[in-house]
Amino acid sequence: MKILIAAGGTGGHINPALAAATALRSLQADVEILFVGARGKMEERLVPQAGFALRLVDSAGFYRALTPKAMAHNVQSAALLLKSTGQVRGILHEWKPDVVAGFGGYVTGAVLRVAQSRGIPTVIHEQNAFPGITNKALARRADAVLLTSEKAAQFLRTRVQPRVTGLPVRAELPAANKQESRFMLGLDDRPFLLSMGGSLGAQPINEAMLDVVAAHAKSADCHIMHAAGTETAAQSFRDALAARGVELSHARHITIRPYITDMARCLSAADLVVCRAGASSLAEFQACGKPSILIPSPYVAENHQFHNAQALVERGAAQLIEEKDLADDRLTRSVKALLFDSARLAEMGAAAKAMAHPGAAESIAKAILGVGNLASSL
């Protein structure tokens, strides 16, 4: 069976697709897999590193603003869309896949639209609780619609029953041992708060966490690790703490990093997490059973991070603070109320764990193979 996978742009789209591709190989050794991604994006590096073939097309997203700069960008994007459509047609004609699966990113829309127009069976995987415009359109003709959150189903019109598979996470995350991780990080019995603003950081979260760190610096009643997003942002954070009289050389319970490179260790050790509400991050929190305070990015399409966060809040697994409400010390007060309430943290962690889908990659792979096998039998 020949399976073409479209995914790209961010690790949040690429990594789940790679996990599903690995599961496909485990389930059916002779399966042929080809990735299609956008030129110049992360997939150009990540996919070959994982050992999969990759074809690149020219693709770019559209801006929703009506500024002259945005309109000029959209004209260029429209030209690239026409070019990429032709490139996709060539790839499909040459490679002749039995099924095409899309995991998100600008390139996915073009690939699945052409595949559906040619009668090639398609599978879409929607990561967010509120689907994007492209997946809403593609879902109507897809042969399988796979969801991370059951909430997404109410926003989709499909000809097949959507299935909740969850979102694959790295195996080392749920396998990490909390006590071993705490020992490796040099933590004692005090509660440990892990905070970050996503892979590139978020200035509003950095500013709010500055107040949180300052509030706990002198009392030393907890451990805090904050990832500011970049080396420059991390140094600015340290300088801002120093201006408030907080010298990190005398505050061993506080760690400021540019980013988290050992996520399995840090996340498993944490008692509470502060973060954005991207689908991949939430899947990791669920897999590790971690309570969280979520601050959704208001700058993403369809405000989907807010809906992602709401799915956890409704199950008692998280608290939600909108970015616009950070200015009134809301985060500082919320952290103080939660971090030292071990019973509440345990309840929230159990609720998060109950939302996890430990077999997500295999479930997605089986769904893709099912569509391909059905098509070949007709």
Protein backbone atom coordinates (compact mmCIF):
# COMPACT_ATOMS: atom_id res chain seq x y z
CA MET A 1 0.00 0.00 0.00
CA LYS A 2 1.24 3.49 -0.90
CA ILE A 3 0.38 6.25 1.59
CA LEU A 4 1.04 9.93 1.00
CA ILE A 5 1.16 12.15 4.11
CA ALA A 6 0.77 15.92 3.95
CA ALA A 7 1.97 17.88 6.98
CA GLY A 8 4.14 20.84 7.72
CA GLY A 9 4.90 24.29 8.97
CA THR A 10 5.27 23.54 12.68
CA GLY A 11 6.39 20.70 14.88
CA GLY A 12 2.81 20.46 16.10
CA HIS A 13 1.79 19.23 12.66
CA ILE A 14 4.93 17.34 11.68
CA ASN A 15 5.64 15.31 14.82
CA PRO A 16 2.18 13.66 15.04
CA ALA A 17 2.44 12.82 11.34
CA LEU A 18 5.86 11.23 11.89
CA ALA A 19 4.50 9.26 14.85
CA ALA A 20 1.65 7.96 12.71
CA ALA A 21 4.05 7.08 9.89
CA THR A 22 6.24 5.12 12.30
CA ALA A 23 3.17 3.26 13.55
CA LEU A 24 2.17 2.50 9.96
CA ARG A 25 5.52 0.84 9.36
CA SER A 26 5.12 -1.20 12.54
CA LEU A 27 1.66 -2.39 11.55
CA GLN A 28 2.47 -3.14 7.90
CA ALA A 29 6.13 -3.60 7.08
CA ASP A 30 5.75 -3.31 3.30
CA VAL A 31 3.86 -0.01 3.35
CA GLU A 32 5.34 2.76 1.18
CA ILE A 33 5.20 6.25 2.69
CA LEU A 34 5.86 9.60 1.04
CA PHE A 35 5.64 12.95 2.82
CA VAL A 36 4.71 16.16 1.03
CA GLY A 37 5.69 19.42 2.71
CA ALA A 38 6.34 23.09 2.06
CA ARG A 39 9.71 24.27 0.86
CA GLY A 40 11.76 26.11 3.47
CA LYS A 41 9.74 24.88 6.47
CA MET A 42 10.61 22.58 9.39
CA GLU A 43 9.54 19.43 7.56
CA GLU A 44 12.47 19.89 5.16
CA ARG A 45 14.73 18.94 8.08
CA LEU A 46 12.56 16.80 10.39
CA VAL A 47 11.10 14.35 7.89
CA PRO A 48 14.39 13.13 6.33
CA GLN A 49 15.91 12.94 9.82
CA ALA A 50 13.14 10.50 10.75
CA GLY A 51 13.96 8.34 7.73
CA PHE A 52 11.02 9.15 5.45
CA ALA A 53 10.97 10.29 1.83
CA LEU A 54 9.88 13.89 1.26
CA ARG A 55 8.72 15.90 -1.73
CA LEU A 56 8.54 19.68 -1.43
CA VAL A 57 6.11 22.15 -2.95
CA ASP A 58 5.91 25.95 -2.82
CA SER A 59 3.31 27.08 -0.31
CA ALA A 60 2.46 30.01 1.96
CA GLY A 61 -0.43 31.01 4.17
CA PHE A 62 -2.82 33.91 3.84
CA TYR A 63 -3.10 36.90 6.18
CA ARG A 64 -6.57 37.95 7.31
CA ALA A 65 -5.75 41.61 7.82
CA LEU A 66 -6.66 44.18 5.17
CA THR A 67 -3.46 46.21 5.40
CA PRO A 68 -1.46 46.92 2.21
CA LYS A 69 1.32 44.65 3.45
CA ALA A 70 -1.09 41.80 4.12
CA MET A 71 -2.80 42.24 0.75
CA ALA A 72 0.54 42.18 -1.06
CA HIS A 73 1.48 39.01 0.82
CA ASN A 74 -1.84 37.40 -0.10
CA VAL A 75 -1.30 38.12 -3.79
CA GLN A 76 2.02 36.27 -3.58
CA SER A 77 0.38 33.45 -1.61
CA ALA A 78 -2.34 33.08 -4.25
CA ALA A 79 0.33 32.73 -6.94
CA LEU A 80 2.12 30.12 -4.85
CA LEU A 81 -1.18 28.28 -4.33
CA LEU A 82 -1.63 27.94 -8.08
CA LYS A 83 1.96 26.79 -8.44
CA SER A 84 1.70 24.29 -5.58
CA THR A 85 -1.54 22.86 -6.99
CA GLY A 86 0.30 22.04 -10.20
CA GLN A 87 3.18 20.53 -8.26
CA VAL A 88 0.80 18.39 -6.20
CA ARG A 89 -0.94 17.14 -9.34
CA GLY A 90 2.43 16.06 -10.69
CA ILE A 91 3.34 14.21 -7.48
CA LEU A 92 0.00 12.41 -7.30
CA HIS A 93 0.15 11.44 -10.99
CA GLU A 94 3.69 10.14 -10.63
CA TRP A 95 3.42 8.38 -7.27
CA LYS A 96 -0.21 7.15 -7.43
CA PRO A 97 -0.97 6.80 -3.69
CA ASP A 98 -3.72 4.49 -2.43
CA VAL A 99 -4.65 6.96 0.31
CA VAL A 100 -3.70 10.52 1.26
CA ALA A 101 -3.61 11.65 4.91
CA GLY A 102 -3.41 15.27 6.04
CA PHE A 103 -2.13 16.47 9.43
CA GLY A 104 -2.27 20.23 9.01
CA GLY A 105 -0.12 23.06 7.77
CA TYR A 106 -0.51 25.22 4.67
CA VAL A 107 0.50 22.43 2.31
CA THR A 108 -2.21 20.04 3.52
CA GLY A 109 -5.12 21.91 1.98
CA ALA A 110 -3.66 21.86 -1.53
CA VAL A 111 -2.70 18.18 -1.35
CA LEU A 112 -6.04 16.91 -0.05
CA ARG A 113 -8.11 19.12 -2.36
CA VAL A 114 -6.33 17.72 -5.43
CA ALA A 115 -6.55 14.17 -4.09
CA GLN A 116 -10.29 14.47 -3.46
CA SER A 117 -10.86 15.95 -6.91
CA ARG A 118 -9.15 12.87 -8.38
CA GLY A 119 -11.14 10.39 -6.31
CA ILE A 120 -8.19 9.33 -4.17
CA PRO A 121 -9.32 8.30 -0.64
CA THR A 122 -8.40 10.88 1.99
CA VAL A 123 -8.00 10.98 5.77
CA ILE A 124 -7.81 14.17 7.81
CA HIS A 125 -6.60 14.57 11.37
CA GLU A 126 -7.87 17.65 13.22
CA GLN A 127 -5.72 18.64 16.18
CA ASN A 128 -7.82 21.41 17.65
CA ALA A 129 -11.13 21.53 19.49
CA PHE A 130 -12.30 24.13 16.97
CA PRO A 131 -11.44 23.08 13.40
CA GLY A 132 -9.90 25.46 10.91
CA ILE A 133 -11.60 26.58 7.71
CA THR A 134 -9.58 24.21 5.51
CA ASN A 135 -10.42 21.08 7.50
CA LYS A 136 -14.07 22.08 7.70
CA ALA A 137 -14.16 22.06 3.91
CA LEU A 138 -12.06 18.92 3.48
CA ALA A 139 -14.02 16.94 6.08
CA ARG A 140 -17.14 16.93 3.90
CA ARG A 141 -15.50 14.64 1.35
CA ALA A 142 -12.96 12.80 3.52
CA ASP A 143 -13.14 9.03 3.89
CA ALA A 144 -12.05 9.22 7.54
CA VAL A 145 -12.12 12.17 9.94
CA LEU A 146 -9.91 11.75 13.00
CA LEU A 147 -10.09 14.11 15.98
CA THR A 148 -7.93 15.03 18.94
CA SER A 149 -10.89 16.44 20.85
CA GLU A 150 -14.46 15.21 20.70
CA LYS A 151 -15.62 18.85 20.84
CA ALA A 152 -14.45 19.32 17.24
CA ALA A 153 -17.18 17.02 15.89
CA GLN A 154 -19.93 19.55 16.52
CA PHE A 155 -18.26 22.02 14.14
CA LEU A 156 -17.83 19.59 11.23
CA ARG A 157 -20.15 18.35 8.51
CA THR A 158 -18.96 14.93 7.38
CA ARG A 159 -20.20 11.99 5.35
CA VAL A 160 -18.54 9.55 7.77
CA GLN A 161 -18.68 9.34 11.56
CA PRO A 162 -15.67 11.20 13.04
CA ARG A 163 -13.44 9.19 15.38
CA VAL A 164 -11.53 10.51 18.40
CA THR A 165 -7.99 9.15 18.21
CA GLY A 166 -6.16 11.77 20.26
CA LEU A 167 -2.81 13.27 19.32
CA PRO A 168 0.42 11.25 19.45
CA VAL A 169 3.08 12.33 21.96
CA ARG A 170 6.68 11.26 22.36
CA ALA A 171 6.87 7.91 24.17
CA GLU A 172 9.45 9.19 26.67
CA LEU A 173 6.98 11.70 28.14
CA PRO A 174 4.47 9.38 29.86
CA ALA A 175 7.25 6.90 30.61
CA ALA A 176 9.30 9.37 32.68
CA ASN A 177 9.35 8.84 36.45
CA LYS A 178 8.49 11.89 38.58
CA GLN A 179 10.79 11.12 41.50
CA GLU A 180 13.74 10.24 39.28
CA SER A 181 13.20 13.43 37.28
CA ARG A 182 13.03 15.56 40.43
CA PHE A 183 16.28 14.01 41.66
CA MET A 184 17.99 14.70 38.32
CA LEU A 185 16.83 18.33 38.44
CA GLY A 186 18.02 18.73 42.02
CA LEU A 187 14.56 19.41 43.45
CA ASP A 188 13.52 18.80 47.05
CA ASP A 189 9.99 18.32 48.43
CA ARG A 190 8.82 21.84 47.66
CA PRO A 191 6.19 22.17 44.87
CA PHE A 192 7.60 22.67 41.37
CA LEU A 193 6.04 25.10 38.88
CA LEU A 194 7.01 24.73 35.21
CA SER A 195 6.09 27.61 32.91
CA MET A 196 6.66 28.41 29.25
CA GLY A 197 5.08 30.31 26.40
CA GLY A 198 5.31 27.66 23.72
CA SER A 199 8.25 26.78 21.50
CA LEU A 200 9.12 30.43 20.76
CA GLY A 201 7.98 31.96 24.03
CA ALA A 202 5.32 34.62 24.59
CA GLN A 203 6.08 38.09 25.92
CA PRO A 204 2.75 38.49 27.80
CA ILE A 205 3.43 35.23 29.66
CA ASN A 206 7.02 36.31 30.36
CA GLU A 207 5.72 39.55 31.90
CA ALA A 208 3.12 37.75 34.01
CA MET A 209 5.63 35.13 35.15
CA LEU A 210 8.01 37.90 36.20
CA ASP A 211 5.47 38.81 38.87
CA VAL A 212 5.03 35.15 39.86
CA VAL A 213 8.77 34.57 40.21
CA ALA A 214 9.29 37.80 42.16
CA ALA A 215 6.45 36.87 44.51
CA HIS A 216 8.11 33.58 45.44
CA ALA A 217 11.77 34.57 45.21
CA LYS A 218 12.32 35.60 48.81
CA SER A 219 9.98 33.09 50.45
CA ALA A 220 11.63 30.22 48.55
CA ASP A 221 8.48 28.17 49.18
CA CYS A 222 8.56 26.45 45.78
CA HIS A 223 10.74 25.64 42.80
CA ILE A 224 10.09 27.54 39.57
CA MET A 225 11.47 26.89 36.10
CA HIS A 226 10.49 29.33 33.38
CA ALA A 227 11.35 29.09 29.68
CA ALA A 228 11.30 32.56 28.12
CA GLY A 229 11.52 31.39 24.50
CA THR A 230 14.87 32.79 23.30
CA GLU A 231 18.30 33.53 24.72
CA THR A 232 17.56 37.26 24.48
CA ALA A 233 14.22 36.92 26.25
CA ALA A 234 15.75 34.79 29.01
CA GLN A 235 18.46 37.38 29.65
CA SER A 236 15.89 40.18 29.67
CA PHE A 237 13.91 38.18 32.23
CA ARG A 238 16.98 37.78 34.45
CA ASP A 239 17.77 41.49 34.14
CA ALA A 240 14.19 42.41 35.08
CA LEU A 241 14.42 40.17 38.16
CA ALA A 242 17.70 41.81 39.16
CA ALA A 243 16.03 45.23 38.86
CA ARG A 244 13.49 44.01 41.40
CA GLY A 245 16.22 42.90 43.74
CA VAL A 246 16.09 39.22 42.88
CA GLU A 247 19.59 37.81 42.34
CA LEU A 248 19.35 34.34 40.83
CA SER A 249 22.78 33.43 42.18
CA HIS A 250 21.16 33.53 45.63
CA ALA A 251 17.87 31.93 44.52
CA ARG A 252 18.72 28.35 43.66
CA HIS A 253 15.05 27.42 43.64
CA ILE A 254 14.49 29.53 40.51
CA THR A 255 15.70 28.56 37.02
CA ILE A 256 15.30 30.76 33.95
CA ARG A 257 15.96 29.10 30.59
CA PRO A 258 15.52 30.15 26.98
CA TYR A 259 13.66 26.91 26.23
CA ILE A 260 13.04 23.40 27.55
CA THR A 261 15.27 20.84 25.86
CA ASP A 262 14.56 18.01 28.32
CA MET A 263 10.77 18.17 28.31
CA ALA A 264 10.19 14.61 29.53
CA ARG A 265 12.26 15.24 32.65
CA CYS A 266 10.90 18.72 33.40
CA LEU A 267 7.26 17.91 32.70
CA SER A 268 7.28 14.68 34.68
CA ALA A 269 8.81 16.51 37.66
CA ALA A 270 6.28 19.35 37.62
CA ASP A 271 3.38 19.73 40.03
CA LEU A 272 1.73 22.49 37.97
CA VAL A 273 2.30 23.84 34.45
CA VAL A 274 1.66 27.30 33.01
CA CYS A 275 1.57 27.42 29.22
CA ARG A 276 -0.25 28.34 26.02
CA ALA A 277 -2.93 25.93 24.79
CA GLY A 278 -1.52 24.44 21.61
CA ALA A 279 -2.85 20.99 20.81
CA SER A 280 0.52 19.25 21.14
CA SER A 281 1.25 20.79 24.53
CA LEU A 282 -2.15 19.79 25.87
CA ALA A 283 -1.74 16.23 24.62
CA GLU A 284 1.57 16.07 26.51
CA PHE A 285 -0.02 17.40 29.71
CA GLN A 286 -2.78 14.80 29.41
CA ALA A 287 -0.34 11.96 28.73
CA CYS A 288 1.65 12.90 31.85
CA GLY A 289 -1.43 13.67 33.97
CA LYS A 290 -0.39 17.27 34.70
CA PRO A 291 -2.69 20.02 36.01
CA SER A 292 -2.25 23.30 34.17
CA ILE A 293 -3.06 26.97 34.03
CA LEU A 294 -3.62 27.72 30.35
CA ILE A 295 -3.21 31.12 28.70
CA PRO A 296 -4.45 30.66 25.11
CA SER A 297 -2.84 32.67 22.36
CA PRO A 298 -5.41 35.13 20.98
CA TYR A 299 -3.40 35.51 17.77
CA VAL A 300 -4.15 32.13 16.16
CA ALA A 301 -6.78 31.29 13.55
CA GLU A 302 -10.34 30.87 14.82
CA ASN A 303 -9.03 31.48 18.37
CA HIS A 304 -8.62 27.69 18.47
CA GLN A 305 -6.36 27.68 21.52
CA PHE A 306 -9.21 29.08 23.62
CA HIS A 307 -11.40 26.17 22.55
CA ASN A 308 -8.55 23.72 23.22
CA ALA A 309 -8.22 25.07 26.75
CA GLN A 310 -11.97 25.00 27.34
CA ALA A 311 -12.02 21.26 26.60
CA LEU A 312 -9.69 20.70 29.59
CA VAL A 313 -11.43 23.23 31.81
CA GLU A 314 -14.78 21.51 31.27
CA ARG A 315 -13.25 18.24 32.47
CA GLY A 316 -11.65 19.83 35.54
CA ALA A 317 -8.10 19.33 34.22
CA ALA A 318 -7.06 22.97 33.88
CA GLN A 319 -7.76 26.58 34.70
CA LEU A 320 -7.98 29.18 31.94
CA ILE A 321 -6.77 32.78 32.04
CA GLU A 322 -7.20 34.90 28.94
CA GLU A 323 -4.21 37.00 27.96
CA LYS A 324 -6.20 40.21 28.40
CA ASP A 325 -6.69 39.34 32.09
CA LEU A 326 -3.00 38.91 32.93
CA ALA A 327 -2.42 42.52 33.90
CA ASP A 328 -4.21 42.37 37.27
CA ASP A 329 -1.91 39.78 38.95
CA ARG A 330 -4.42 37.08 38.05
CA LEU A 331 -1.69 34.56 37.26
CA THR A 332 0.18 35.22 40.50
CA ARG A 333 -2.98 34.68 42.52
CA SER A 334 -3.98 31.56 40.59
CA VAL A 335 -0.55 29.97 41.01
CA LYS A 336 -0.55 30.69 44.73
CA ALA A 337 -4.02 29.19 45.15
CA LEU A 338 -3.22 26.01 43.22
CA LEU A 339 0.44 25.20 43.72
CA PHE A 340 0.13 24.50 47.44
CA ASP A 341 -3.20 22.66 47.25
CA SER A 342 -1.99 19.09 46.76
CA ALA A 343 -5.50 17.61 46.82
CA ARG A 344 -6.72 19.97 44.08
CA LEU A 345 -3.63 19.32 41.99
CA ALA A 346 -4.19 15.57 42.29
CA GLU A 347 -7.80 15.92 41.14
CA MET A 348 -6.82 18.04 38.14
CA GLY A 349 -3.96 15.71 37.24
CA ALA A 350 -6.25 12.69 37.33
CA ALA A 351 -8.77 14.53 35.13
CA ALA A 352 -6.03 15.34 32.62
CA LYS A 353 -4.80 11.74 32.59
CA ALA A 354 -8.34 10.52 31.92
CA MET A 355 -8.36 12.59 28.72
CA ALA A 356 -5.16 11.00 27.37
CA HIS A 357 -5.08 8.70 24.35
CA PRO A 358 -1.96 6.55 24.87
CA GLY A 359 -2.49 4.60 21.64
CA ALA A 360 -3.10 7.65 19.43
CA ALA A 361 -0.41 6.95 16.83
CA GLU A 362 -1.54 3.35 16.34
CA SER A 363 -5.22 4.37 16.19
CA ILE A 364 -4.46 6.91 13.46
CA ALA A 365 -2.34 4.40 11.55
CA LYS A 366 -5.08 1.76 11.69
CA ALA A 367 -7.63 4.26 10.40
CA ILE A 368 -5.40 5.17 7.46
CA LEU A 369 -4.77 1.51 6.61
CA GLY A 370 -8.49 0.82 6.92
CA VAL A 371 -9.32 3.45 4.32
CA GLY A 372 -6.59 2.15 2.02
CA ASN A 373 -7.68 -1.47 2.37
CA LEU A 374 -11.32 -0.57 1.74
CA ALA A 375 -10.41 1.35 -1.38
CA SER A 376 -8.30 -1.50 -2.75
CA SER A 377 -11.16 -3.98 -2.20
CA LEU A 378 -13.64 -2.00 -4.31
